[in-house]
Each structure stands twice: as C-alpha cells, then as structure tokens.
C-alpha cells in the first residue's frame, strides 16, 4: 500500500500546533484547544489511517469520533469560505493520489472560521 500523501508542514501551519510524533514517524498527533472544545487529529502515514476526535469539556465521550482507514491522503485548502483539510476516502483510486487535485470523496474538517466536519463528493 502506498504511503499517505500529505504535506506535514501545511498541517503545522493550518492547525497552528506542533505534532507529537511517534518514533520512526509511525504516527503524528495534533491537539488543538478552542475552549470548551478540543480537536485531536492523529495520522498514521504508513498505513493511511486517520482518527479525528472533537471533545467538549464536561462530556465523557467525544462529540465527534471519526476513523478513516487506508486513506490515500489529505490536503489543506484555503477556500473563499474558510480554511479546511480534505481527507480522501479509501479504495476509490486506481493509482497514487496526488494532493494537487481534489479527491472525489472523503470528509472535510473545516478549521476557519469554526470547526465543522462534513462529507464531500465531487463529480469525476
């Protein structure tokens, strides 16, 4: 399986936090606080797995918990309606995913002006 296609420096810039990396680059964890919410994003680039959890202070379970297995990649998009990360859904590509083009399906994590998680699809 090809590695997850992404630009870690773009994620650093978009999320505004330095990731906590597991030894040998096995995973990268980002934790962003916007009280009363916490966004935890973990990427396992060698497997292409992504976990997103949004927690609210005082609530035991995550408000949003999303796992994406075998994703070919993600890209940062600065759109007219804000900044977001698009994560490509798994098993939809005949070849290597190129982050310069939008993926046909996946989920989008909007970062600005506020956090929002949505599914997306483009006609291909």
N, C-alpha and C. Protein backbone atom coordinates (compact mmCIF):
# COMPACT_ATOMS: atom_id res chain seq x y z
N UNK A 1 0.85 -1.18 0.00
CA UNK A 1 0.00 0.00 0.00
C UNK A 1 0.89 1.25 0.00
N UNK A 2 0.61 2.22 -0.87
CA UNK A 2 1.41 3.44 -0.88
C UNK A 2 1.16 4.27 0.37
N UNK A 3 2.16 5.05 0.73
CA UNK A 3 2.03 5.91 1.91
C UNK A 3 0.99 7.00 1.69
N UNK A 4 0.53 7.53 2.80
CA UNK A 4 -0.41 8.64 2.85
C UNK A 4 0.25 9.86 2.20
N UNK A 5 -0.44 10.49 1.27
CA UNK A 5 0.09 11.66 0.57
C UNK A 5 -0.37 12.92 1.30
N UNK A 6 0.60 13.67 1.84
CA UNK A 6 0.28 14.89 2.57
C UNK A 6 1.51 15.75 2.72
N UNK A 7 1.33 16.98 3.15
CA UNK A 7 2.43 17.89 3.43
C UNK A 7 2.38 18.25 4.91
N UNK A 8 3.19 17.59 5.75
CA UNK A 8 3.15 17.85 7.20
C UNK A 8 3.33 19.32 7.57
N UNK A 9 4.15 20.06 6.83
CA UNK A 9 4.34 21.48 7.15
C UNK A 9 3.06 22.28 6.92
N UNK A 10 2.26 21.88 5.93
CA UNK A 10 0.97 22.55 5.71
C UNK A 10 0.03 22.30 6.89
N UNK A 11 0.07 21.10 7.46
CA UNK A 11 -0.76 20.79 8.62
C UNK A 11 -0.31 21.60 9.83
N UNK A 12 1.00 21.73 10.01
CA UNK A 12 1.54 22.55 11.09
C UNK A 12 1.03 23.98 10.97
N UNK A 13 1.07 24.52 9.77
CA UNK A 13 0.60 25.89 9.53
C UNK A 13 -0.91 26.00 9.73
N UNK A 14 -1.67 25.06 9.21
CA UNK A 14 -3.13 25.14 9.28
C UNK A 14 -3.66 24.95 10.70
N UNK A 15 -3.08 24.01 11.44
CA UNK A 15 -3.57 23.71 12.78
C UNK A 15 -2.92 24.59 13.85
N UNK A 16 -1.75 25.14 13.55
CA UNK A 16 -1.09 26.05 14.49
C UNK A 16 -0.46 25.37 15.68
N UNK A 17 -0.25 24.06 15.61
CA UNK A 17 0.40 23.33 16.70
C UNK A 17 1.42 22.36 16.12
N UNK A 18 2.46 22.10 16.90
CA UNK A 18 3.48 21.13 16.50
C UNK A 18 2.96 19.74 16.86
N UNK A 19 3.02 18.80 15.93
CA UNK A 19 2.51 17.46 16.24
C UNK A 19 3.43 16.71 17.19
N UNK A 20 2.85 15.78 17.92
CA UNK A 20 3.62 14.85 18.73
C UNK A 20 3.81 13.63 17.85
N UNK A 21 5.07 13.36 17.51
CA UNK A 21 5.36 12.25 16.60
C UNK A 21 5.79 11.01 17.34
N UNK A 22 5.25 9.89 16.91
CA UNK A 22 5.67 8.60 17.44
C UNK A 22 7.01 8.25 16.80
N UNK A 23 7.81 7.46 17.49
CA UNK A 23 9.12 7.08 16.99
C UNK A 23 9.04 6.52 15.58
N UNK A 24 10.01 6.88 14.75
CA UNK A 24 10.13 6.44 13.35
C UNK A 24 9.00 6.96 12.46
N UNK A 25 8.31 8.01 12.88
CA UNK A 25 7.26 8.60 12.06
C UNK A 25 6.04 7.72 11.88
N UNK A 26 5.81 6.82 12.83
CA UNK A 26 4.67 5.91 12.73
C UNK A 26 3.35 6.67 12.80
N UNK A 27 3.29 7.69 13.67
CA UNK A 27 2.07 8.50 13.76
C UNK A 27 2.42 9.93 14.13
N UNK A 28 1.49 10.83 13.82
CA UNK A 28 1.60 12.24 14.16
C UNK A 28 0.29 12.65 14.81
N UNK A 29 0.37 13.17 16.03
CA UNK A 29 -0.83 13.58 16.74
C UNK A 29 -0.87 15.09 16.95
N UNK A 30 -1.99 15.69 16.59
CA UNK A 30 -2.21 17.12 16.75
C UNK A 30 -3.32 17.32 17.78
N UNK A 31 -3.13 18.24 18.70
CA UNK A 31 -4.16 18.56 19.68
C UNK A 31 -4.33 20.07 19.70
N UNK A 32 -5.56 20.52 19.40
CA UNK A 32 -5.86 21.95 19.30
C UNK A 32 -6.98 22.27 20.28
N UNK A 33 -6.78 23.28 21.11
CA UNK A 33 -7.78 23.71 22.09
C UNK A 33 -8.49 24.96 21.62
N UNK A 34 -9.79 24.93 21.64
CA UNK A 34 -10.65 26.11 21.48
C UNK A 34 -11.75 25.93 22.51
N UNK A 35 -11.50 26.41 23.70
CA UNK A 35 -12.39 26.17 24.82
C UNK A 35 -13.84 26.48 24.46
N UNK A 36 -14.75 25.59 24.76
CA UNK A 36 -14.66 24.36 25.57
C UNK A 36 -14.35 23.11 24.75
N UNK A 37 -13.89 23.27 23.50
CA UNK A 37 -13.65 22.12 22.62
C UNK A 37 -12.17 21.78 22.50
N UNK A 38 -11.89 20.51 22.25
CA UNK A 38 -10.55 20.04 21.94
C UNK A 38 -10.64 19.17 20.69
N UNK A 39 -9.77 19.46 19.72
CA UNK A 39 -9.69 18.68 18.50
C UNK A 39 -8.42 17.84 18.57
N UNK A 40 -8.56 16.54 18.43
CA UNK A 40 -7.42 15.63 18.41
C UNK A 40 -7.40 14.92 17.06
N UNK A 41 -6.34 15.12 16.31
CA UNK A 41 -6.19 14.53 14.99
C UNK A 41 -4.92 13.68 15.00
N UNK A 42 -5.06 12.40 14.67
CA UNK A 42 -3.90 11.51 14.60
C UNK A 42 -3.84 10.92 13.20
N UNK A 43 -2.65 10.95 12.62
CA UNK A 43 -2.42 10.42 11.28
C UNK A 43 -1.32 9.36 11.37
N UNK A 44 -1.61 8.18 10.81
CA UNK A 44 -0.63 7.11 10.68
C UNK A 44 -0.27 7.05 9.19
N UNK A 45 0.76 7.80 8.75
CA UNK A 45 1.02 7.94 7.31
C UNK A 45 1.40 6.64 6.59
N UNK A 46 2.05 5.71 7.27
CA UNK A 46 2.45 4.48 6.59
C UNK A 46 1.25 3.58 6.30
N UNK A 47 0.22 3.66 7.13
CA UNK A 47 -0.99 2.86 6.93
C UNK A 47 -2.08 3.65 6.21
N UNK A 48 -1.97 4.98 6.25
CA UNK A 48 -3.01 5.81 5.66
C UNK A 48 -4.24 5.94 6.55
N UNK A 49 -4.06 5.71 7.84
CA UNK A 49 -5.19 5.78 8.78
C UNK A 49 -5.24 7.16 9.44
N UNK A 50 -6.47 7.61 9.70
CA UNK A 50 -6.71 8.92 10.30
C UNK A 50 -7.76 8.76 11.39
N UNK A 51 -7.53 9.41 12.53
CA UNK A 51 -8.56 9.47 13.57
C UNK A 51 -8.77 10.92 13.94
N UNK A 52 -10.03 11.33 13.99
CA UNK A 52 -10.41 12.68 14.37
C UNK A 52 -11.38 12.57 15.53
N UNK A 53 -11.07 13.27 16.63
CA UNK A 53 -11.98 13.31 17.78
C UNK A 53 -12.14 14.77 18.19
N UNK A 54 -13.38 15.18 18.37
CA UNK A 54 -13.66 16.50 18.93
C UNK A 54 -14.39 16.26 20.24
N UNK A 55 -13.81 16.78 21.30
CA UNK A 55 -14.35 16.60 22.65
C UNK A 55 -14.81 17.94 23.20
N UNK A 56 -15.77 17.88 24.10
CA UNK A 56 -16.29 19.06 24.76
C UNK A 56 -16.06 18.90 26.26
N UNK A 57 -15.57 19.95 26.92
CA UNK A 57 -15.36 19.91 28.36
C UNK A 57 -16.64 19.45 29.06
N UNK A 58 -16.49 18.53 30.00
CA UNK A 58 -17.62 18.06 30.77
C UNK A 58 -18.39 16.92 30.14
N UNK A 59 -18.01 16.50 28.93
CA UNK A 59 -18.67 15.38 28.25
C UNK A 59 -17.67 14.23 28.16
N UNK A 60 -18.06 13.06 28.67
CA UNK A 60 -17.12 11.94 28.75
C UNK A 60 -16.69 11.41 27.38
N UNK A 61 -17.63 11.25 26.48
CA UNK A 61 -17.33 10.69 25.16
C UNK A 61 -17.13 11.82 24.14
N UNK A 62 -16.36 11.56 23.07
CA UNK A 62 -16.19 12.59 22.04
C UNK A 62 -17.53 12.96 21.40
N UNK A 63 -17.69 14.22 21.08
CA UNK A 63 -18.87 14.68 20.35
C UNK A 63 -18.80 14.13 18.92
N UNK A 64 -17.60 14.13 18.36
CA UNK A 64 -17.34 13.54 17.04
C UNK A 64 -16.15 12.60 17.17
N UNK A 65 -16.30 11.39 16.67
CA UNK A 65 -15.20 10.43 16.59
C UNK A 65 -15.27 9.80 15.22
N UNK A 66 -14.25 10.03 14.42
CA UNK A 66 -14.25 9.56 13.04
C UNK A 66 -12.93 8.85 12.77
N UNK A 67 -13.02 7.65 12.22
CA UNK A 67 -11.83 6.88 11.83
C UNK A 67 -11.90 6.61 10.34
N UNK A 68 -10.82 6.87 9.66
CA UNK A 68 -10.72 6.64 8.22
C UNK A 68 -9.52 5.72 8.02
N UNK A 69 -9.77 4.53 7.49
CA UNK A 69 -8.70 3.54 7.30
C UNK A 69 -8.29 3.48 5.84
N UNK A 70 -7.00 3.44 5.61
CA UNK A 70 -6.47 3.29 4.26
C UNK A 70 -6.69 4.48 3.36
N UNK A 71 -6.71 5.67 3.93
CA UNK A 71 -6.87 6.88 3.11
C UNK A 71 -5.61 7.13 2.29
N UNK A 72 -5.76 7.52 1.03
CA UNK A 72 -4.58 7.80 0.22
C UNK A 72 -3.94 9.15 0.52
N UNK A 73 -4.66 10.06 1.20
CA UNK A 73 -4.02 11.34 1.50
C UNK A 73 -4.98 12.42 1.92
N UNK A 74 -4.39 13.59 2.20
CA UNK A 74 -5.16 14.76 2.62
C UNK A 74 -4.46 16.01 2.13
N UNK A 75 -5.24 17.07 2.00
CA UNK A 75 -4.66 18.34 1.57
C UNK A 75 -5.33 19.48 2.31
N UNK A 76 -4.60 20.58 2.46
CA UNK A 76 -5.11 21.81 3.06
C UNK A 76 -5.66 22.66 1.93
N UNK A 77 -6.86 23.21 2.14
CA UNK A 77 -7.49 24.07 1.14
C UNK A 77 -7.84 25.39 1.80
N UNK A 78 -7.42 26.49 1.17
CA UNK A 78 -7.82 27.83 1.60
C UNK A 78 -8.89 28.30 0.63
N UNK A 79 -10.14 28.11 1.00
CA UNK A 79 -11.25 28.46 0.13
C UNK A 79 -11.86 29.80 0.50
N UNK A 80 -12.79 30.24 -0.32
CA UNK A 80 -13.43 31.53 -0.07
C UNK A 80 -14.28 31.50 1.20
N UNK A 81 -14.68 30.29 1.62
CA UNK A 81 -15.50 30.17 2.82
C UNK A 81 -14.71 29.65 4.02
N UNK A 82 -13.38 29.76 3.98
CA UNK A 82 -12.55 29.37 5.11
C UNK A 82 -11.46 28.38 4.75
N UNK A 83 -10.74 27.97 5.77
CA UNK A 83 -9.64 27.01 5.61
C UNK A 83 -10.13 25.65 6.08
N UNK A 84 -9.78 24.60 5.33
CA UNK A 84 -10.17 23.27 5.74
C UNK A 84 -9.17 22.23 5.26
N UNK A 85 -9.27 21.03 5.85
CA UNK A 85 -8.47 19.88 5.44
C UNK A 85 -9.42 18.89 4.78
N UNK A 86 -9.08 18.44 3.59
CA UNK A 86 -9.86 17.40 2.91
C UNK A 86 -9.10 16.08 3.03
N UNK A 87 -9.77 15.08 3.58
CA UNK A 87 -9.22 13.74 3.70
C UNK A 87 -9.89 12.86 2.66
N UNK A 88 -9.11 12.25 1.79
CA UNK A 88 -9.65 11.38 0.74
C UNK A 88 -10.11 10.06 1.34
N UNK A 89 -11.26 9.58 0.89
CA UNK A 89 -11.77 8.29 1.34
C UNK A 89 -10.94 7.17 0.71
N UNK A 90 -10.95 6.03 1.34
CA UNK A 90 -10.11 4.90 0.90
C UNK A 90 -10.71 4.15 -0.28
N UNK A 91 -9.85 3.45 -0.98
CA UNK A 91 -10.23 2.50 -2.03
C UNK A 91 -11.05 3.10 -3.16
N UNK A 92 -10.78 4.33 -3.52
CA UNK A 92 -11.52 4.97 -4.60
C UNK A 92 -10.62 5.36 -5.77
N UNK A 93 -9.36 4.96 -5.72
CA UNK A 93 -8.41 5.45 -6.69
C UNK A 93 -7.75 4.29 -7.41
N UNK A 94 -7.51 4.48 -8.70
CA UNK A 94 -6.84 3.44 -9.47
C UNK A 94 -5.33 3.52 -9.33
N UNK A 95 -4.82 4.65 -8.89
CA UNK A 95 -3.38 4.84 -8.73
C UNK A 95 -3.09 5.71 -7.54
N UNK A 96 -1.90 6.24 -7.51
CA UNK A 96 -1.46 7.09 -6.40
C UNK A 96 -2.25 8.38 -6.37
N UNK A 97 -2.68 8.79 -5.18
CA UNK A 97 -3.41 10.05 -5.00
C UNK A 97 -2.42 11.20 -5.05
N UNK A 98 -2.77 12.25 -5.78
CA UNK A 98 -1.94 13.44 -5.92
C UNK A 98 -2.65 14.59 -5.21
N UNK A 99 -2.05 15.14 -4.15
CA UNK A 99 -2.73 16.15 -3.34
C UNK A 99 -2.95 17.47 -4.06
N UNK A 100 -2.47 17.61 -5.28
CA UNK A 100 -2.70 18.85 -6.02
C UNK A 100 -4.10 18.91 -6.61
N UNK A 101 -4.80 17.77 -6.65
CA UNK A 101 -6.17 17.73 -7.17
C UNK A 101 -7.12 17.32 -6.05
N UNK A 102 -8.38 17.73 -6.13
CA UNK A 102 -9.33 17.29 -5.11
C UNK A 102 -9.62 15.80 -5.24
N UNK A 103 -9.86 15.16 -4.11
CA UNK A 103 -10.27 13.76 -4.11
C UNK A 103 -11.76 13.69 -4.46
N UNK A 104 -12.21 12.59 -5.06
CA UNK A 104 -13.63 12.52 -5.43
C UNK A 104 -14.57 12.39 -4.23
N UNK A 105 -14.13 11.74 -3.14
CA UNK A 105 -14.96 11.54 -1.96
C UNK A 105 -14.08 11.62 -0.72
N UNK A 106 -14.71 11.94 0.41
CA UNK A 106 -13.97 11.94 1.66
C UNK A 106 -14.69 12.76 2.71
N UNK A 107 -13.92 13.21 3.70
CA UNK A 107 -14.51 14.11 4.68
C UNK A 107 -13.65 15.36 4.78
N UNK A 108 -14.30 16.42 5.18
CA UNK A 108 -13.66 17.73 5.25
C UNK A 108 -13.74 18.22 6.69
N UNK A 109 -12.60 18.64 7.22
CA UNK A 109 -12.53 19.27 8.53
C UNK A 109 -12.31 20.76 8.31
N UNK A 110 -13.36 21.54 8.53
CA UNK A 110 -13.24 22.99 8.40
C UNK A 110 -12.54 23.52 9.65
N UNK A 111 -11.53 24.36 9.45
CA UNK A 111 -10.76 24.93 10.55
C UNK A 111 -11.15 26.37 10.85
N UNK A 112 -11.50 27.11 9.82
CA UNK A 112 -11.85 28.52 9.98
C UNK A 112 -13.12 28.80 9.20
N UNK A 113 -14.02 29.59 9.63
CA UNK A 113 -13.97 30.36 10.87
C UNK A 113 -14.26 29.53 12.13
N UNK A 114 -14.89 28.36 12.00
CA UNK A 114 -15.12 27.50 13.15
C UNK A 114 -15.00 26.04 12.70
N UNK A 115 -14.87 25.12 13.66
CA UNK A 115 -14.73 23.71 13.33
C UNK A 115 -16.04 23.13 12.84
N UNK A 116 -15.94 22.35 11.79
CA UNK A 116 -17.11 21.65 11.25
C UNK A 116 -16.60 20.43 10.49
N UNK A 117 -17.28 19.31 10.62
CA UNK A 117 -16.91 18.09 9.91
C UNK A 117 -18.06 17.73 8.96
N UNK A 118 -17.73 17.58 7.68
CA UNK A 118 -18.74 17.24 6.68
C UNK A 118 -18.17 16.21 5.70
N UNK A 119 -19.05 15.45 5.10
CA UNK A 119 -18.66 14.57 3.99
C UNK A 119 -18.71 15.39 2.71
N UNK A 120 -17.92 15.01 1.71
CA UNK A 120 -17.96 15.72 0.44
C UNK A 120 -17.81 14.74 -0.71
N UNK A 121 -18.26 15.17 -1.87
CA UNK A 121 -18.02 14.41 -3.10
C UNK A 121 -17.98 15.38 -4.27
N UNK A 122 -17.15 15.07 -5.23
CA UNK A 122 -17.02 15.84 -6.46
C UNK A 122 -17.35 14.92 -7.63
N UNK A 123 -17.93 15.47 -8.67
CA UNK A 123 -18.13 14.68 -9.88
C UNK A 123 -16.78 14.45 -10.53
N UNK A 124 -16.51 13.20 -10.90
CA UNK A 124 -15.24 12.87 -11.55
C UNK A 124 -15.48 12.32 -12.93
